[in-house]
Amino acid sequence: MQIVDWIVLSITLLFIVLYGAWKTRGSKNVEDYIKGGNESKWWTIGLSVMATQASAITFLSTPGQAFHSGMGFVQFYFGLPIAMVIICLVFIPIYHRLKVYTAYEYLEGRFDQKTRTLTAILFLIQRGLAAGITIFAPAIILSAVLGWDLVTLNIIIGVLVIIYTVSGGTKAVSVTQKQQMAVIFAGMFVAFYLILQYLPDDITFTKALEIAGTSDKMKVLDFSWDLNNRYTVWTGILGGTFLMLSYFGTDQSQVQRYLSGKSLRESQLGLIFNGLLKVPMQFFILLVGVMVFVFYQFNPSPLNFNPKSGEAIANSNLETIEQYVKLEEQHRFIEGRKKALIFEGLTPENVAQIQEFNEQDKVLKEEAKTIISEVDPLVETNDKDYVFIHFILNNLPKGLIGLLLAVILSAAMSSTASELNALGGTTAIDLYKRNTKIEYSEEHYVKMSKWFTLGWGILAILVACIADLFDNLIQLVNIIGSIFYGNVLGIFLLAFFIKYVKGNAVFVAAIITQLIIIAVWYIDLLPYLWLNALGCGLVMLLATLIQTFSKEN
């Protein structure tokens, strides 16, 4: 990090924060603060919806996911366009007709207050945890690679978001997310362009794709029904559709984005825009990761991308250091042989040798992880989340490092802002306002929304400070969502389509379903994407049976 990088990073982030706070100051009523005065155009809605989902985890973890596992992760998003169409046809018209502030308001009219409250609480639990992770994700990576204090980073990111989110509410989130998405798109395209420029002169983009393909990085589609495969066409279309329906249709952090639309049509166009652009965007981010993989076929790469692993080895005993150095020497030998084979030409014989070297390298990396864990069990050995930031800091020119760090922090801020905005609004409307006996003024509810937003922001910072790395951060967020989303979606589908089921049956079924889903996840019976379909189907089945049984008795 040079002075110019600090200048680029600071100016970008401060502009977003100060512009958002200034542009949207002075909200006087709940409609203006929570629904943004219903002024958003379709492109603002589309970008805001996209920015809410595309957290820093997306831009840190996704390239690393592609680096290690290839393009197959894009299948996770195959259900998104289907979900967008269903939400536009079913969910949005109902929300707009009833003029609700939150998605959960509708459930009280359809069922009862306790079902509304339960569903709101399920949302608050999972989204409150996710808000902490969206702060923690970039903080822990930047802490490791830049040497910054982790707690300080968590506080800085959280406070920056809190300033403009508390100040301007939904409108501030929407306004700032347009700037954040502009920074994000610019940064990722620049990174992609530079990676291609850094490849050897005779390695064209087509040749780079061919090189990636020899290591199975370009396998996009998997039509197998193997439940051990997390990402297949079927998990994406079936499990992914249920997850996206739940997330975009019932999660207030997303619902709040399109409830701010000027009209029903603007909201629908915004979601269709997101549905059309989101899958290509994720494909492109994965492709960036694949190109980073190709770059490291011609340039030295560490045995483990987490810089803390190197520090742990350096501080260990001489025997361990020598053992690790031998692994590094074997790793460098393999890199050299693969590079020579690529330059010789990708003949069938050379491709077979490259694949054999890849397997040998995987074994070396697993041995390295074992050694690192033995030296310091607290060091995260899964380095997927460190791959892209390692490339940025070690290869990009001055100024662009600051821009790419601004991309990561902008993504963290945009996603966290939406989450805090929704958490504060849901707490104020679904819990506080609904359960207080006294009718207060509009200014009072705006003030309470701000206080609740501030409270959730502080809680998110605390969660970030005590969080720990998982297998992969982007998977962790989706796992948390999958545990709760299917149940919530099932409640909404019962409300929309099965009219004879009443509140008591849904309430009991939802509690039983949530306990079962947590148990299924805990004992690892199914891949997490299938939890969405299971939760949705289970709560609908149980509620229907309970209602039928109660009628018969």
Protein backbone atom coordinates (compact mmCIF):
# COMPACT_ATOMS: atom_id res chain seq x y z
CA MET A 1 0.00 0.00 0.00
CA GLN A 2 1.51 3.29 -1.19
CA ILE A 3 0.33 6.84 -0.38
CA VAL A 4 -1.61 7.02 -3.66
CA ASP A 5 -3.50 3.82 -2.71
CA TRP A 6 -4.47 5.31 0.65
CA ILE A 7 -5.67 8.47 -1.12
CA VAL A 8 -7.79 6.53 -3.64
CA LEU A 9 -9.25 4.31 -0.91
CA SER A 10 -10.00 7.15 1.50
CA ILE A 11 -11.54 9.51 -1.07
CA THR A 12 -13.76 6.75 -2.51
CA LEU A 13 -15.13 5.62 0.86
CA LEU A 14 -15.53 9.11 2.34
CA PHE A 15 -17.34 10.35 -0.75
CA ILE A 16 -19.84 7.49 -0.55
CA VAL A 17 -20.48 8.01 3.17
CA LEU A 18 -20.73 11.82 3.11
CA TYR A 19 -22.75 11.93 -0.14
CA GLY A 20 -25.25 9.39 1.20
CA ALA A 21 -25.66 11.24 4.51
CA TRP A 22 -25.99 14.66 2.83
CA LYS A 23 -28.30 13.61 -0.01
CA THR A 24 -30.88 11.96 2.25
CA ARG A 25 -30.81 14.01 5.43
CA GLY A 26 -33.98 15.02 7.23
CA SER A 27 -36.49 12.14 6.90
CA LYS A 28 -39.58 13.17 8.87
CA ASN A 29 -41.96 10.24 8.42
CA VAL A 30 -41.85 6.46 8.39
CA GLU A 31 -42.74 6.16 4.70
CA ASP A 32 -39.81 8.36 3.72
CA TYR A 33 -37.34 6.66 6.07
CA ILE A 34 -38.28 3.00 5.55
CA LYS A 35 -39.67 3.06 1.99
CA GLY A 36 -37.51 5.88 0.65
CA GLY A 37 -40.58 7.97 -0.17
CA ASN A 38 -41.40 5.51 -2.98
CA GLU A 39 -39.20 7.44 -5.41
CA SER A 40 -36.82 4.75 -6.74
CA LYS A 41 -36.61 4.09 -10.49
CA TRP A 42 -36.16 0.56 -11.84
CA TRP A 43 -32.42 0.85 -12.44
CA THR A 44 -31.88 2.14 -8.89
CA ILE A 45 -33.90 -0.80 -7.55
CA GLY A 46 -32.01 -3.29 -9.72
CA LEU A 47 -28.59 -2.00 -8.69
CA SER A 48 -29.66 -1.77 -5.04
CA VAL A 49 -30.96 -5.36 -5.04
CA MET A 50 -27.72 -6.52 -6.67
CA ALA A 51 -25.52 -4.52 -4.27
CA THR A 52 -27.39 -5.94 -1.27
CA GLN A 53 -26.62 -9.50 -2.33
CA ALA A 54 -23.10 -8.80 -3.65
CA SER A 55 -21.26 -8.28 -0.38
CA ALA A 56 -17.50 -8.16 0.08
CA ILE A 57 -17.70 -11.92 0.50
CA THR A 58 -18.69 -12.15 -3.18
CA PHE A 59 -15.56 -10.33 -4.33
CA LEU A 60 -13.20 -12.05 -1.90
CA SER A 61 -14.50 -15.61 -1.86
CA THR A 62 -15.89 -16.12 -5.35
CA PRO A 63 -12.58 -15.67 -7.25
CA GLY A 64 -10.92 -17.96 -4.70
CA GLN A 65 -13.72 -20.49 -5.16
CA ALA A 66 -13.05 -20.49 -8.92
CA PHE A 67 -9.28 -20.65 -8.38
CA HIS A 68 -9.62 -23.87 -6.41
CA SER A 69 -12.80 -25.47 -7.80
CA GLY A 70 -13.51 -23.86 -11.17
CA MET A 71 -16.63 -22.31 -12.66
CA GLY A 72 -19.16 -24.80 -11.25
CA PHE A 73 -20.24 -22.43 -8.45
CA VAL A 74 -22.18 -20.37 -11.02
CA GLN A 75 -24.80 -23.16 -11.00
CA PHE A 76 -25.78 -21.91 -7.55
CA TYR A 77 -27.44 -18.92 -9.27
CA PHE A 78 -29.39 -20.82 -11.95
CA GLY A 79 -32.60 -20.59 -9.94
CA LEU A 80 -32.39 -16.80 -9.61
CA PRO A 81 -34.07 -15.77 -12.90
CA ILE A 82 -36.91 -18.24 -12.21
CA ALA A 83 -37.35 -16.79 -8.72
CA MET A 84 -37.38 -13.21 -10.08
CA VAL A 85 -40.27 -14.00 -12.44
CA ILE A 86 -42.32 -15.69 -9.68
CA ILE A 87 -41.72 -12.81 -7.26
CA CYS A 88 -42.72 -10.25 -9.92
CA LEU A 89 -45.95 -12.12 -10.66
CA VAL A 90 -46.96 -13.11 -7.10
CA PHE A 91 -45.11 -11.35 -4.28
CA ILE A 92 -44.70 -7.75 -5.48
CA PRO A 93 -48.34 -7.19 -6.55
CA ILE A 94 -49.55 -8.32 -3.10
CA TYR A 95 -47.05 -6.13 -1.23
CA HIS A 96 -47.89 -3.08 -3.35
CA ARG A 97 -51.64 -3.61 -3.12
CA LEU A 98 -51.51 -3.79 0.67
CA LYS A 99 -48.97 -0.90 0.92
CA VAL A 100 -46.96 -2.73 3.58
CA TYR A 101 -43.73 -1.40 5.11
CA THR A 102 -42.36 -4.91 5.69
CA ALA A 103 -43.08 -8.31 4.17
CA TYR A 104 -44.17 -9.64 7.54
CA GLU A 105 -47.05 -7.16 7.90
CA TYR A 106 -48.95 -9.18 5.32
CA LEU A 107 -48.76 -12.31 7.49
CA GLU A 108 -50.76 -10.77 10.32
CA GLY A 109 -53.67 -9.97 8.03
CA ARG A 110 -53.53 -13.45 6.54
CA PHE A 111 -52.81 -15.41 9.74
CA ASP A 112 -52.33 -13.66 13.08
CA GLN A 113 -49.96 -11.48 15.07
CA LYS A 114 -47.91 -14.31 16.57
CA THR A 115 -47.14 -15.77 13.11
CA ARG A 116 -46.05 -12.33 11.92
CA THR A 117 -43.87 -11.90 15.00
CA LEU A 118 -42.32 -15.38 14.70
CA THR A 119 -41.44 -14.88 11.03
CA ALA A 120 -39.98 -11.45 11.75
CA ILE A 121 -37.86 -12.94 14.55
CA LEU A 122 -36.57 -15.72 12.25
CA PHE A 123 -35.54 -13.01 9.80
CA LEU A 124 -33.88 -10.92 12.52
CA ILE A 125 -31.85 -13.89 13.80
CA GLN A 126 -30.43 -15.01 10.46
CA ARG A 127 -29.95 -11.52 9.02
CA GLY A 128 -28.42 -10.21 12.24
CA LEU A 129 -25.80 -12.98 12.08
CA ALA A 130 -25.23 -12.37 8.37
CA ALA A 131 -24.70 -8.63 8.98
CA GLY A 132 -21.85 -9.45 11.32
CA ILE A 133 -20.30 -11.77 8.75
CA THR A 134 -20.49 -9.16 5.97
CA ILE A 135 -18.41 -6.87 8.20
CA PHE A 136 -16.12 -9.64 9.39
CA ALA A 137 -15.34 -11.07 5.93
CA PRO A 138 -13.36 -8.16 4.49
CA ALA A 139 -11.98 -7.22 7.91
CA ILE A 140 -10.29 -10.55 8.57
CA ILE A 141 -8.81 -10.75 5.08
CA LEU A 142 -7.50 -7.18 5.16
CA SER A 143 -6.23 -7.71 8.68
CA ALA A 144 -4.23 -10.76 7.59
CA VAL A 145 -2.72 -9.29 4.45
CA LEU A 146 -2.17 -5.69 5.58
CA GLY A 147 -1.37 -6.33 9.21
CA TRP A 148 -4.20 -4.09 10.43
CA ASP A 149 -5.87 -4.82 13.75
CA LEU A 150 -8.96 -6.97 13.17
CA VAL A 151 -11.15 -5.39 15.84
CA THR A 152 -10.27 -1.89 14.64
CA LEU A 153 -11.19 -2.83 11.07
CA ASN A 154 -14.53 -4.28 12.18
CA ILE A 155 -15.31 -1.05 14.01
CA ILE A 156 -14.23 1.19 11.11
CA ILE A 157 -16.35 -0.66 8.54
CA GLY A 158 -19.33 -0.85 10.90
CA VAL A 159 -19.19 2.81 11.91
CA LEU A 160 -18.91 4.04 8.30
CA VAL A 161 -22.04 2.09 7.39
CA ILE A 162 -23.94 3.16 10.50
CA ILE A 163 -23.32 6.88 9.80
CA TYR A 164 -25.25 7.11 6.54
CA THR A 165 -27.70 4.26 7.16
CA VAL A 166 -28.97 5.75 10.42
CA SER A 167 -28.96 9.23 8.92
CA GLY A 168 -30.89 8.62 5.71
CA GLY A 169 -32.60 5.21 5.98
CA THR A 170 -33.68 3.36 2.83
CA LYS A 171 -33.07 6.32 0.52
CA ALA A 172 -29.48 6.66 1.75
CA VAL A 173 -28.88 2.96 1.13
CA SER A 174 -30.28 3.15 -2.41
CA VAL A 175 -28.40 6.35 -3.28
CA THR A 176 -25.03 5.10 -2.04
CA GLN A 177 -25.43 1.67 -3.62
CA LYS A 178 -25.41 3.20 -7.10
CA GLN A 179 -21.98 4.72 -6.43
CA GLN A 180 -20.79 1.52 -4.78
CA MET A 181 -21.82 -0.63 -7.74
CA ALA A 182 -20.06 1.79 -10.11
CA VAL A 183 -16.84 1.41 -8.07
CA ILE A 184 -17.29 -2.38 -7.94
CA PHE A 185 -17.85 -2.85 -11.67
CA ALA A 186 -14.97 -0.51 -12.57
CA GLY A 187 -12.59 -2.26 -10.19
CA MET A 188 -13.41 -5.79 -11.34
CA PHE A 189 -13.12 -4.93 -15.05
CA VAL A 190 -9.76 -3.24 -14.44
CA ALA A 191 -8.53 -6.30 -12.51
CA PHE A 192 -9.68 -8.64 -15.31
CA TYR A 193 -7.99 -6.52 -17.98
CA LEU A 194 -4.71 -6.37 -16.05
CA ILE A 195 -4.64 -10.13 -15.44
CA LEU A 196 -4.85 -10.72 -19.18
CA GLN A 197 -2.10 -8.15 -19.76
CA TYR A 198 0.16 -9.91 -17.25
CA LEU A 199 -0.03 -13.23 -19.11
CA PRO A 200 2.86 -14.12 -21.49
CA ASP A 201 2.66 -12.44 -24.89
CA ASP A 202 1.67 -15.58 -26.79
CA ILE A 203 -1.10 -16.52 -24.30
CA THR A 204 -4.35 -15.11 -25.69
CA PHE A 205 -7.64 -15.12 -23.82
CA THR A 206 -8.74 -18.20 -25.78
CA LYS A 207 -5.46 -19.94 -24.93
CA ALA A 208 -5.92 -18.97 -21.27
CA LEU A 209 -9.35 -20.63 -21.26
CA GLU A 210 -7.82 -23.74 -22.79
CA ILE A 211 -5.13 -23.82 -20.09
CA ALA A 212 -7.79 -23.47 -17.39
CA GLY A 213 -9.78 -26.25 -19.02
CA THR A 214 -6.86 -28.69 -18.77
CA SER A 215 -7.14 -28.35 -14.97
CA ASP A 216 -10.96 -28.76 -14.99
CA LYS A 217 -11.55 -25.11 -14.10
CA MET A 218 -13.96 -24.51 -17.00
CA LYS A 219 -16.49 -27.20 -16.15
CA VAL A 220 -19.61 -25.08 -15.74
CA LEU A 221 -22.41 -27.66 -15.83
CA ASP A 222 -22.79 -30.77 -13.68
CA PHE A 223 -25.96 -32.79 -14.39
CA SER A 224 -25.25 -35.50 -11.80
CA TRP A 225 -27.69 -36.32 -8.99
CA ASP A 226 -24.89 -37.00 -6.50
CA LEU A 227 -25.96 -35.39 -3.20
CA ASN A 228 -22.31 -35.08 -2.23
CA ASN A 229 -21.88 -32.48 -4.98
CA ARG A 230 -22.86 -29.12 -3.56
CA TYR A 231 -23.14 -27.39 -6.92
CA THR A 232 -24.98 -29.08 -9.78
CA VAL A 233 -27.56 -27.91 -12.30
CA TRP A 234 -30.27 -29.52 -10.16
CA THR A 235 -29.21 -28.01 -6.83
CA GLY A 236 -29.03 -24.63 -8.57
CA ILE A 237 -32.41 -24.84 -10.28
CA LEU A 238 -34.32 -26.61 -7.49
CA GLY A 239 -32.56 -25.69 -4.25
CA GLY A 240 -31.37 -22.36 -5.67
CA THR A 241 -34.87 -21.35 -6.74
CA PHE A 242 -36.23 -21.95 -3.25
CA LEU A 243 -33.33 -20.04 -1.69
CA MET A 244 -33.72 -17.10 -4.08
CA LEU A 245 -37.51 -17.05 -3.64
CA SER A 246 -37.00 -16.86 0.11
CA TYR A 247 -34.21 -14.32 -0.05
CA PHE A 248 -35.68 -11.92 -2.60
CA GLY A 249 -39.34 -12.54 -1.76
CA THR A 250 -39.39 -12.68 2.05
CA ASP A 251 -36.09 -11.25 3.35
CA GLN A 252 -36.76 -7.66 4.35
CA SER A 253 -33.25 -6.55 3.36
CA GLN A 254 -34.30 -7.26 -0.26
CA VAL A 255 -38.04 -6.58 -0.01
CA GLN A 256 -37.25 -3.09 1.31
CA ARG A 257 -35.26 -2.38 -1.85
CA TYR A 258 -38.19 -2.86 -4.21
CA LEU A 259 -40.90 -1.57 -1.86
CA SER A 260 -39.21 1.82 -2.42
CA GLY A 261 -40.17 1.74 -6.12
CA LYS A 262 -42.23 4.55 -7.67
CA SER A 263 -44.74 2.03 -8.93
CA LEU A 264 -45.47 -1.67 -9.23
CA ARG A 265 -43.95 -1.66 -12.72
CA GLU A 266 -40.71 0.02 -11.57
CA SER A 267 -40.30 -2.60 -8.82
CA GLN A 268 -40.92 -5.46 -11.23
CA LEU A 269 -38.53 -4.06 -13.85
CA GLY A 270 -35.87 -3.63 -11.15
CA LEU A 271 -36.07 -7.30 -10.17
CA ILE A 272 -36.10 -8.48 -13.80
CA PHE A 273 -33.01 -6.31 -14.40
CA ASN A 274 -31.34 -8.06 -11.45
CA GLY A 275 -32.39 -11.48 -12.75
CA LEU A 276 -30.90 -10.80 -16.19
CA LEU A 277 -27.63 -9.33 -14.94
CA LYS A 278 -26.86 -11.32 -11.79
CA VAL A 279 -25.90 -14.67 -13.37
CA PRO A 280 -23.57 -13.06 -15.97
CA MET A 281 -22.04 -10.94 -13.19
CA GLN A 282 -21.31 -14.01 -11.05
CA PHE A 283 -19.97 -15.82 -14.12
CA PHE A 284 -17.62 -12.91 -14.75
CA ILE A 285 -16.39 -12.80 -11.12
CA LEU A 286 -15.70 -16.55 -11.27
CA LEU A 287 -13.92 -16.03 -14.59
CA VAL A 288 -11.68 -13.45 -12.89
CA GLY A 289 -10.76 -16.19 -10.40
CA VAL A 290 -10.03 -18.64 -13.22
CA MET A 291 -7.79 -16.05 -14.91
CA VAL A 292 -5.95 -15.59 -11.60
CA PHE A 293 -5.40 -19.37 -11.68
CA VAL A 294 -3.97 -19.11 -15.21
CA PHE A 295 -1.75 -16.20 -14.11
CA TYR A 296 -0.25 -18.40 -11.40
CA GLN A 297 0.54 -21.10 -13.97
CA PHE A 298 3.26 -18.71 -15.19
CA ASN A 299 4.13 -16.99 -11.92
CA PRO A 300 5.17 -18.37 -8.51
CA SER A 301 2.34 -18.93 -6.03
CA PRO A 302 2.56 -19.61 -2.29
CA LEU A 303 1.83 -23.06 -0.90
CA ASN A 304 -0.86 -21.39 1.19
CA PHE A 305 -2.24 -17.93 0.36
CA ASN A 306 -3.02 -16.98 3.97
CA PRO A 307 -0.03 -14.87 5.07
CA LYS A 308 -0.62 -15.94 8.68
CA SER A 309 0.36 -19.49 7.70
CA GLY A 310 3.83 -18.32 6.67
CA GLU A 311 4.20 -16.40 9.92
CA ALA A 312 3.18 -19.47 11.92
CA ILE A 313 5.77 -21.65 10.16
CA ALA A 314 8.49 -19.01 10.56
CA ASN A 315 7.87 -18.94 14.33
CA SER A 316 7.95 -22.74 14.69
CA ASN A 317 10.89 -25.05 15.41
CA LEU A 318 13.71 -25.80 12.96
CA GLU A 319 12.46 -29.30 12.11
CA THR A 320 9.01 -28.00 11.13
CA ILE A 321 10.52 -25.20 9.07
CA GLU A 322 12.70 -27.67 7.15
CA GLN A 323 9.72 -29.96 6.57
CA TYR A 324 7.65 -27.06 5.21
CA VAL A 325 10.54 -25.80 3.04
CA LYS A 326 10.75 -29.25 1.40
CA LEU A 327 7.05 -29.04 0.53
CA GLU A 328 7.61 -25.58 -0.95
CA GLU A 329 10.50 -26.88 -3.07
CA GLN A 330 8.32 -29.70 -4.41
CA HIS A 331 5.54 -27.17 -5.07
CA ARG A 332 7.91 -24.94 -7.05
CA PHE A 333 9.20 -27.95 -9.00
CA ILE A 334 5.63 -28.86 -9.98
CA GLU A 335 4.92 -25.26 -10.99
CA GLY A 336 8.01 -25.27 -13.19
CA ARG A 337 7.12 -28.56 -14.87
CA LYS A 338 3.53 -27.46 -15.54
CA LYS A 339 4.76 -24.17 -17.03
CA ALA A 340 7.16 -26.04 -19.34
CA LEU A 341 4.42 -28.45 -20.45
CA ILE A 342 2.07 -25.55 -21.26
CA PHE A 343 4.71 -23.88 -23.43
CA GLU A 344 5.42 -27.20 -25.16
CA GLY A 345 1.78 -27.41 -26.21
CA LEU A 346 -1.40 -28.86 -24.77
CA THR A 347 -1.16 -32.26 -26.38
CA PRO A 348 -3.15 -35.14 -24.81
CA GLU A 349 0.07 -36.46 -23.23
CA ASN A 350 0.98 -33.07 -21.76
CA VAL A 351 -2.57 -32.48 -20.50
CA ALA A 352 -2.49 -35.85 -18.72
CA GLN A 353 0.83 -34.92 -17.08
CA ILE A 354 -0.49 -31.50 -16.03
CA GLN A 355 -3.51 -33.14 -14.40
CA GLU A 356 -1.22 -35.60 -12.62
CA PHE A 357 0.92 -32.71 -11.34
CA ASN A 358 -2.26 -30.97 -10.15
CA GLU A 359 -3.14 -33.99 -8.04
CA GLN A 360 0.38 -34.12 -6.61
CA ASP A 361 0.17 -30.41 -5.79
CA LYS A 362 -3.16 -30.94 -3.99
CA VAL A 363 -1.49 -33.56 -1.80
CA LEU A 364 1.35 -31.14 -1.01
CA LYS A 365 -1.11 -28.42 -0.05
CA GLU A 366 -3.03 -30.77 2.24
CA GLU A 367 0.22 -31.78 3.93
CA ALA A 368 1.05 -28.08 4.32
CA LYS A 369 -2.35 -27.46 5.93
CA THR A 370 -1.72 -30.28 8.39
CA ILE A 371 1.65 -28.81 9.38
CA ILE A 372 0.19 -25.31 9.77
CA SER A 373 -2.65 -26.62 11.94
CA GLU A 374 -0.20 -28.50 14.16
CA VAL A 375 1.94 -25.38 14.58
CA ASP A 376 -0.99 -23.02 15.27
CA PRO A 377 -4.55 -24.40 15.33
CA LEU A 378 -5.94 -20.84 15.23
CA VAL A 379 -4.51 -20.11 11.75
CA GLU A 380 -7.07 -20.65 8.99
CA THR A 381 -5.59 -23.15 6.55
CA ASN A 382 -8.38 -22.90 3.98
CA ASP A 383 -6.99 -20.11 1.82
CA LYS A 384 -9.80 -19.63 -0.73
CA ASP A 385 -10.68 -16.23 0.68
CA TYR A 386 -7.07 -14.99 0.41
CA VAL A 387 -6.33 -15.83 -3.23
CA PHE A 388 -7.72 -12.71 -4.90
CA ILE A 389 -6.49 -10.23 -2.30
CA HIS A 390 -3.01 -11.83 -2.53
CA PHE A 391 -3.02 -11.22 -6.30
CA ILE A 392 -4.20 -7.62 -5.83
CA LEU A 393 -1.58 -6.65 -3.28
CA ASN A 394 1.34 -8.38 -4.98
CA ASN A 395 0.69 -7.61 -8.65
CA LEU A 396 -1.44 -4.53 -9.26
CA PRO A 397 0.19 -1.11 -9.84
CA LYS A 398 -0.02 1.80 -7.39
CA GLY A 399 -3.43 3.41 -7.16
CA LEU A 400 -5.25 0.35 -8.44
CA ILE A 401 -4.56 -1.48 -5.19
CA GLY A 402 -6.48 1.28 -3.43
CA LEU A 403 -9.27 1.00 -6.00
CA LEU A 404 -9.62 -2.76 -5.54
CA LEU A 405 -9.61 -2.41 -1.77
CA ALA A 406 -12.32 0.24 -2.22
CA VAL A 407 -14.27 -2.35 -4.23
CA ILE A 408 -14.07 -4.83 -1.37
CA LEU A 409 -15.01 -2.29 1.31
CA SER A 410 -17.74 -0.72 -0.85
CA ALA A 411 -19.30 -4.14 -1.29
CA ALA A 412 -19.12 -4.73 2.45
CA MET A 413 -20.73 -1.37 3.16
CA SER A 414 -23.50 -1.74 0.56
CA SER A 415 -24.60 -5.15 1.77
CA THR A 416 -24.31 -4.31 5.47
CA ALA A 417 -26.22 -1.04 5.00
CA SER A 418 -29.17 -2.88 3.45
CA GLU A 419 -29.13 -5.43 6.26
CA LEU A 420 -29.02 -2.84 9.05
CA ASN A 421 -31.68 -0.76 7.34
CA ALA A 422 -33.98 -3.81 7.13
CA LEU A 423 -33.19 -4.99 10.67
CA GLY A 424 -33.97 -1.57 12.10
CA GLY A 425 -37.17 -1.18 10.06
CA THR A 426 -38.44 -4.67 10.88
CA THR A 427 -37.76 -4.23 14.59
CA ALA A 428 -39.51 -0.85 14.62
CA ILE A 429 -42.58 -1.85 12.57
CA ASP A 430 -43.14 -5.56 13.28
CA LEU A 431 -42.08 -5.71 16.92
CA TYR A 432 -42.03 -2.25 18.52
CA LYS A 433 -44.92 -0.44 16.82
CA ARG A 434 -47.14 -3.51 16.63
CA ASN A 435 -46.68 -4.46 20.29
CA THR A 436 -46.89 -1.04 21.95
CA LYS A 437 -50.28 0.08 23.22
CA ILE A 438 -49.72 3.81 22.71
CA GLU A 439 -49.97 5.38 19.24
CA TYR A 440 -46.95 7.65 18.79
CA SER A 441 -46.16 10.29 16.16
CA GLU A 442 -44.41 9.62 12.85
CA GLU A 443 -41.29 11.39 14.13
CA HIS A 444 -41.19 9.02 17.10
CA TYR A 445 -41.22 5.91 14.89
CA VAL A 446 -38.53 7.40 12.63
CA LYS A 447 -36.42 8.10 15.73
CA MET A 448 -36.97 4.56 17.03
CA SER A 449 -36.09 3.10 13.62
CA LYS A 450 -32.81 5.01 13.79
CA TRP A 451 -32.11 3.77 17.31
CA PHE A 452 -32.88 0.17 16.33
CA THR A 453 -30.65 0.51 13.25
CA LEU A 454 -27.85 1.82 15.47
CA GLY A 455 -28.41 -1.06 17.90
CA TRP A 456 -28.25 -3.69 15.16
CA GLY A 457 -25.13 -1.99 13.78
CA ILE A 458 -23.41 -2.26 17.15
CA LEU A 459 -24.53 -5.90 17.45
CA ALA A 460 -23.20 -6.65 13.95
CA ILE A 461 -19.83 -5.19 14.92
CA LEU A 462 -19.80 -7.37 18.06
CA VAL A 463 -20.67 -10.49 15.99
CA ALA A 464 -17.85 -9.57 13.58
CA CYS A 465 -15.41 -9.23 16.48
CA ILE A 466 -16.16 -12.72 17.83
CA ALA A 467 -16.71 -14.51 14.50
CA ASP A 468 -14.35 -17.12 13.07
CA LEU A 469 -13.56 -18.29 9.55
CA PHE A 470 -15.59 -21.12 8.08
CA ASP A 471 -14.84 -23.42 5.12
CA ASN A 472 -15.58 -20.51 2.81
CA LEU A 473 -17.20 -17.22 3.78
CA ILE A 474 -19.63 -17.08 0.86
CA GLN A 475 -20.82 -20.59 1.77
CA LEU A 476 -21.24 -19.60 5.43
CA VAL A 477 -23.65 -16.79 4.56
CA ASN A 478 -25.65 -19.09 2.28
CA ILE A 479 -25.71 -21.85 4.92
CA ILE A 480 -27.11 -19.45 7.54
CA GLY A 481 -29.75 -18.34 5.05
CA SER A 482 -30.64 -21.89 4.03
CA ILE A 483 -31.30 -22.90 7.64
CA PHE A 484 -34.06 -20.29 7.96
CA TYR A 485 -35.19 -19.30 4.46
CA GLY A 486 -37.08 -22.46 3.46
CA ASN A 487 -39.29 -22.27 6.56
CA VAL A 488 -40.06 -18.58 5.98
CA LEU A 489 -40.80 -19.16 2.28
CA GLY A 490 -43.18 -21.99 3.17
CA ILE A 491 -45.09 -19.68 5.51
CA PHE A 492 -45.52 -17.13 2.73
CA LEU A 493 -46.57 -19.75 0.16
CA LEU A 494 -49.19 -21.03 2.61
CA ALA A 495 -50.41 -17.46 2.99
CA PHE A 496 -50.59 -16.93 -0.78
CA PHE A 497 -52.04 -20.20 -2.01
CA ILE A 498 -53.54 -22.43 0.71
CA LYS A 499 -56.35 -20.32 2.07
CA TYR A 500 -57.93 -22.79 4.51
CA VAL A 501 -54.77 -23.07 6.66
CA LYS A 502 -54.99 -20.74 9.67
CA GLY A 503 -52.51 -19.03 11.97
CA ASN A 504 -52.28 -21.59 14.80
CA ALA A 505 -51.43 -24.44 12.41
CA VAL A 506 -48.77 -22.36 10.64
CA PHE A 507 -47.25 -21.17 13.91
CA VAL A 508 -46.84 -24.69 15.34
CA ALA A 509 -45.63 -26.09 11.99
CA ALA A 510 -43.03 -23.33 11.66
CA ILE A 511 -41.52 -24.02 15.09
CA ILE A 512 -41.37 -27.80 14.47
CA THR A 513 -39.89 -27.27 11.00
CA GLN A 514 -37.19 -24.93 12.26
CA LEU A 515 -36.07 -27.44 14.89
CA ILE A 516 -35.98 -30.26 12.30
CA ILE A 517 -33.99 -28.19 9.78
CA ILE A 518 -31.42 -27.22 12.41
CA ALA A 519 -31.08 -30.92 13.34
CA VAL A 520 -30.73 -32.00 9.67
CA TRP A 521 -28.05 -29.36 9.11
CA TYR A 522 -26.22 -30.23 12.34
CA ILE A 523 -25.90 -33.93 11.51
CA ASP A 524 -25.12 -33.09 7.86
CA LEU A 525 -27.82 -35.22 6.22
CA LEU A 526 -28.19 -33.02 3.12
CA PRO A 527 -26.20 -30.39 1.19
CA TYR A 528 -27.23 -27.01 2.55
CA LEU A 529 -29.00 -25.85 -0.64
CA TRP A 530 -31.53 -28.66 -0.24
CA LEU A 531 -32.47 -27.34 3.21
CA ASN A 532 -34.42 -24.57 1.46
CA ALA A 533 -36.67 -27.01 -0.40
CA LEU A 534 -36.96 -29.29 2.63
CA GLY A 535 -37.90 -26.45 4.98
CA CYS A 536 -40.44 -25.03 2.55
CA GLY A 537 -42.10 -28.37 1.84
CA LEU A 538 -42.03 -29.49 5.46
CA VAL A 539 -43.71 -26.42 6.94
CA MET A 540 -46.42 -26.53 4.25
CA LEU A 541 -47.05 -30.25 4.81
CA LEU A 542 -47.11 -29.98 8.62
CA ALA A 543 -49.35 -26.91 8.62
CA THR A 544 -51.79 -28.58 6.25
CA LEU A 545 -51.88 -31.76 8.37
CA ILE A 546 -52.27 -29.85 11.63
CA GLN A 547 -55.09 -27.75 10.17
CA THR A 548 -56.84 -30.84 8.77
CA PHE A 549 -56.45 -32.73 12.06
CA SER A 550 -57.81 -29.79 14.06
CA LYS A 551 -60.82 -29.58 11.75
CA GLU A 552 -61.55 -33.28 12.17
CA ASN A 553 -61.43 -32.87 15.95
